[in-house]
């Protein structure tokens, strides 16, 4: 059975910090990207799959297919770093049966109606609602962009919003 060593929300998905820092820090030997948009775009999907180190297996799923794969214990073996592009994506997967205890928010870019709460992480009202929903489900959510940063609790982040 797959061992989820890190479940991270990062709008950039596979990028330098994930490859150089989080894979090693978490001791992951697999990356699973969960994104409807990426799964539907074969060209971009291939680019992301090539961005990982050669010794790291990478898979990409849409939201529903990942939840089904997880519930049916078909994710396989290994230490898995799961990446989601948004809070909405992980909320959907959790609602569909993905059982995760801890979520790291590591990168959510800017935009209209978004407020910076920690380094490059911004939130809007919808995000705050999703975070509260995840917390009500017993999921621990913390904010941390790189391993050297001190993790910030959800409660502390919400005070900044």
Protein backbone atom coordinates (compact mmCIF):
# COMPACT_ATOMS: atom_id res chain seq x y z
CA UNK A 1 0.00 0.00 0.00
CA UNK A 2 1.19 3.50 -0.77
CA UNK A 3 2.57 5.51 2.13
CA UNK A 4 1.65 9.20 1.79
CA UNK A 5 4.74 10.97 3.13
CA UNK A 6 3.61 14.46 2.12
CA UNK A 7 0.36 15.87 0.78
CA UNK A 8 1.10 19.36 -0.56
CA UNK A 9 -0.97 22.10 -2.15
CA UNK A 10 1.17 24.04 -4.60
CA UNK A 11 -0.23 25.75 -7.67
CA UNK A 12 3.13 25.22 -9.42
CA UNK A 13 2.96 21.43 -8.91
CA UNK A 14 6.36 19.93 -9.81
CA UNK A 15 9.00 22.66 -9.69
CA UNK A 16 12.45 23.34 -8.25
CA UNK A 17 11.53 23.38 -4.55
CA UNK A 18 9.54 20.17 -4.82
CA UNK A 19 12.29 18.39 -6.74
CA UNK A 20 15.30 19.69 -4.79
CA UNK A 21 13.89 20.00 -1.29
CA UNK A 22 10.59 18.26 -0.58
CA UNK A 23 11.33 14.95 -2.32
CA UNK A 24 14.46 14.51 -0.19
CA UNK A 25 12.95 15.91 3.00
CA UNK A 26 9.97 13.55 2.78
CA UNK A 27 12.03 10.61 1.44
CA UNK A 28 9.49 10.19 -1.36
CA UNK A 29 10.28 7.83 -4.21
CA UNK A 30 7.09 8.68 -6.10
CA UNK A 31 5.20 11.84 -6.95
CA UNK A 32 1.50 11.76 -7.69
CA UNK A 33 0.05 14.90 -9.26
CA UNK A 34 -3.71 15.25 -8.87
CA UNK A 35 -5.13 17.81 -11.30
CA UNK A 36 -8.10 17.63 -13.64
CA UNK A 37 -6.58 20.35 -15.82
CA UNK A 38 -3.20 18.67 -16.17
CA UNK A 39 -4.70 15.22 -16.68
CA UNK A 40 -6.75 16.61 -19.58
CA UNK A 41 -3.72 18.20 -21.30
CA UNK A 42 -1.36 15.48 -22.62
CA UNK A 43 1.31 17.97 -23.73
CA UNK A 44 1.58 19.76 -20.37
CA UNK A 45 1.22 16.48 -18.50
CA UNK A 46 4.26 15.12 -20.33
CA UNK A 47 6.28 18.24 -19.46
CA UNK A 48 5.48 17.86 -15.76
CA UNK A 49 6.27 14.15 -15.81
CA UNK A 50 9.70 14.94 -17.29
CA UNK A 51 10.41 17.60 -14.63
CA UNK A 52 11.00 15.07 -11.87
CA UNK A 53 14.38 13.48 -11.14
CA UNK A 54 15.01 10.28 -13.11
CA UNK A 55 14.85 8.08 -9.99
CA UNK A 56 11.38 9.38 -9.02
CA UNK A 57 8.30 7.75 -10.53
CA UNK A 58 5.60 10.29 -11.42
CA UNK A 59 1.91 9.64 -12.05
CA UNK A 60 -0.87 12.07 -12.89
CA UNK A 61 -4.54 11.60 -12.09
CA UNK A 62 -7.69 13.62 -12.40
CA UNK A 63 -9.49 14.35 -9.13
CA UNK A 64 -12.12 11.61 -9.43
CA UNK A 65 -9.76 8.95 -10.76
CA UNK A 66 -7.30 9.59 -7.93
CA UNK A 67 -10.02 9.29 -5.27
CA UNK A 68 -11.23 6.02 -6.81
CA UNK A 69 -7.68 4.67 -7.10
CA UNK A 70 -7.04 5.55 -3.45
CA UNK A 71 -10.26 4.02 -2.15
CA UNK A 72 -9.60 0.80 -4.06
CA UNK A 73 -6.00 0.66 -2.79
CA UNK A 74 -4.66 0.64 -6.35
CA UNK A 75 -2.08 3.38 -5.88
CA UNK A 76 0.68 0.80 -5.49
CA UNK A 77 3.64 0.89 -3.14
CA UNK A 78 6.25 3.42 -2.20
CA UNK A 79 6.65 6.67 -0.31
CA UNK A 80 4.39 9.07 -2.16
CA UNK A 81 4.42 12.86 -2.30
CA UNK A 82 0.93 13.90 -3.48
CA UNK A 83 0.62 17.31 -5.15
CA UNK A 84 -2.59 19.27 -5.69
CA UNK A 85 -2.80 22.59 -7.56
CA UNK A 86 -5.50 24.09 -5.35
CA UNK A 87 -7.49 23.79 -2.17
CA UNK A 88 -10.65 23.16 -4.24
CA UNK A 89 -9.00 20.11 -5.84
CA UNK A 90 -8.05 18.50 -2.55
CA UNK A 91 -11.46 19.27 -1.05
CA UNK A 92 -13.13 17.44 -3.93
CA UNK A 93 -10.82 14.43 -3.55
CA UNK A 94 -11.36 14.33 0.24
CA UNK A 95 -15.12 14.49 -0.28
CA UNK A 96 -14.75 11.54 -2.68
CA UNK A 97 -12.92 9.38 -0.14
CA UNK A 98 -9.24 10.37 0.01
CA UNK A 99 -8.34 9.79 3.64
CA UNK A 100 -5.49 12.11 4.57
CA UNK A 101 -4.54 13.32 8.04
CA UNK A 102 -2.23 16.23 7.25
CA UNK A 103 -2.04 18.74 4.41
CA UNK A 104 0.78 21.18 3.74
CA UNK A 105 -0.10 24.38 1.90
CA UNK A 106 3.06 25.47 0.13
CA UNK A 107 2.18 27.79 -2.72
CA UNK A 108 -0.97 29.54 -3.86
CA UNK A 109 -0.35 32.43 -6.21
CA UNK A 110 -1.88 35.87 -6.27
CA UNK A 111 -4.88 37.26 -8.07
CA UNK A 112 -7.95 39.43 -7.62
CA UNK A 113 -9.52 39.32 -4.15
CA UNK A 114 -6.57 37.30 -2.78
CA UNK A 115 -4.66 38.29 0.33
CA UNK A 116 -1.07 37.29 1.14
CA UNK A 117 -0.98 35.34 4.40
CA UNK A 118 2.48 33.76 4.38
CA UNK A 119 5.28 34.40 1.90
CA UNK A 120 4.00 33.42 -1.58
CA UNK A 121 0.75 31.96 -0.26
CA UNK A 122 -2.43 33.91 -0.87
CA UNK A 123 -6.01 33.08 0.08
CA UNK A 124 -9.46 34.30 -0.87
CA UNK A 125 -12.82 33.82 0.88
CA UNK A 126 -13.49 30.53 -0.95
CA UNK A 127 -10.11 29.16 0.16
CA UNK A 128 -10.84 30.08 3.78
CA UNK A 129 -14.15 28.21 3.59
CA UNK A 130 -12.39 25.14 2.18
CA UNK A 131 -9.71 25.29 4.89
CA UNK A 132 -12.39 25.42 7.58
CA UNK A 133 -14.16 22.45 5.95
CA UNK A 134 -10.93 20.41 5.90
CA UNK A 135 -10.28 21.28 9.55
CA UNK A 136 -13.84 20.22 10.49
CA UNK A 137 -13.07 16.82 8.93
CA UNK A 138 -10.19 16.38 11.37
CA UNK A 139 -7.45 17.15 8.84
CA UNK A 140 -4.46 19.07 10.17
CA UNK A 141 -3.52 21.88 7.78
CA UNK A 142 -0.28 23.81 8.03
CA UNK A 143 1.54 26.32 5.82
CA UNK A 144 5.19 25.89 4.85
CA UNK A 145 6.88 26.93 1.63
CA UNK A 146 10.31 25.30 2.12
CA UNK A 147 11.66 22.85 4.73
CA UNK A 148 13.74 25.60 6.36
CA UNK A 149 10.60 27.61 7.19
CA UNK A 150 8.86 27.10 10.49
CA UNK A 151 5.45 25.55 9.76
CA UNK A 152 2.56 27.95 10.36
CA UNK A 153 -0.66 26.60 11.85
CA UNK A 154 -4.00 27.09 10.11
CA UNK A 155 -5.31 29.08 13.08
CA UNK A 156 -2.35 31.48 12.94
CA UNK A 157 -2.78 31.93 9.17
CA UNK A 158 -6.52 32.59 9.47
CA UNK A 159 -5.79 35.40 11.94
CA UNK A 160 -3.80 37.11 9.15
CA UNK A 161 -6.69 36.84 6.71
